[in-house]
Amino acid sequence: MEAELRKLSQAELRQIREWLDDLIEDELEFTPEFENSIQRSERDMAAGKAARVRELKHA
């Protein structure tokens, strides 16, 4: 497969990459918890709330 890919032009490789990206994205499943966190963040942004920032724990 790699040998065949090496024969392709940059434009053809980009098309294949876009197709693979779409395929992988379509197969991903969001958990209900993840979807809820996205919706919560969207509501926060719409309400003008600042984004939450994680603070690094110092050792």
Protein backbone atom coordinates (compact mmCIF):
# COMPACT_ATOMS: atom_id res chain seq x y z
CA MET A 1 0.00 0.00 0.00
CA GLU A 2 2.81 2.40 0.88
CA ALA A 3 4.46 1.81 -2.49
CA GLU A 4 1.22 2.69 -4.27
CA LEU A 5 0.75 5.83 -2.19
CA ARG A 6 4.24 7.00 -3.11
CA LYS A 7 3.18 7.01 -6.78
CA LEU A 8 0.43 9.57 -6.16
CA SER A 9 0.66 13.32 -6.58
CA GLN A 10 0.38 15.69 -3.62
CA ALA A 11 -3.15 16.60 -4.72
CA GLU A 12 -4.17 12.94 -4.81
CA LEU A 13 -2.61 12.33 -1.40
CA ARG A 14 -4.55 15.30 0.02
CA GLN A 15 -7.78 13.85 -1.37
CA ILE A 16 -7.06 10.50 0.24
CA ARG A 17 -6.20 12.17 3.55
CA GLU A 18 -9.45 14.16 3.50
CA TRP A 19 -11.38 10.98 2.75
CA LEU A 20 -9.64 9.12 5.60
CA ASP A 21 -10.22 12.04 8.00
CA ASP A 22 -13.93 12.01 7.13
CA LEU A 23 -14.12 8.23 7.52
CA ILE A 24 -12.46 8.28 10.93
CA GLU A 25 -14.55 11.22 12.11
CA ASP A 26 -17.76 9.47 11.06
CA GLU A 27 -16.80 6.39 13.05
CA LEU A 28 -16.07 8.29 16.27
CA GLU A 29 -18.83 8.15 18.82
CA PHE A 30 -19.26 10.80 21.45
CA THR A 31 -20.31 9.64 24.89
CA PRO A 32 -23.35 11.32 26.41
CA GLU A 33 -21.05 12.87 29.03
CA PHE A 34 -18.84 14.41 26.33
CA GLU A 35 -21.84 15.75 24.39
CA ASN A 36 -23.22 17.26 27.62
CA SER A 37 -19.91 18.98 28.33
CA ILE A 38 -19.91 20.47 24.82
CA GLN A 39 -23.46 21.75 25.26
CA ARG A 40 -22.57 23.19 28.68
CA SER A 41 -19.56 24.98 27.19
CA GLU A 42 -21.65 26.37 24.35
CA ARG A 43 -24.18 27.74 26.85
CA ASP A 44 -21.37 29.26 28.92
CA MET A 45 -19.87 30.96 25.86
CA ALA A 46 -23.28 32.27 24.78
CA ALA A 47 -23.75 33.69 28.29
CA GLY A 48 -20.38 35.43 28.08
CA LYS A 49 -18.71 33.30 30.72
CA ALA A 50 -14.95 32.97 30.46
CA ALA A 51 -13.51 29.62 29.51
CA ARG A 52 -12.35 27.40 32.31
CA VAL A 53 -8.59 27.08 32.49
CA ARG A 54 -6.89 24.15 34.12
CA GLU A 55 -4.16 25.08 36.52
CA LEU A 56 -1.01 23.03 36.58
CA LYS A 57 -0.23 21.30 39.85
CA HIS A 58 3.23 22.12 41.04
CA ALA A 59 5.29 19.21 42.33
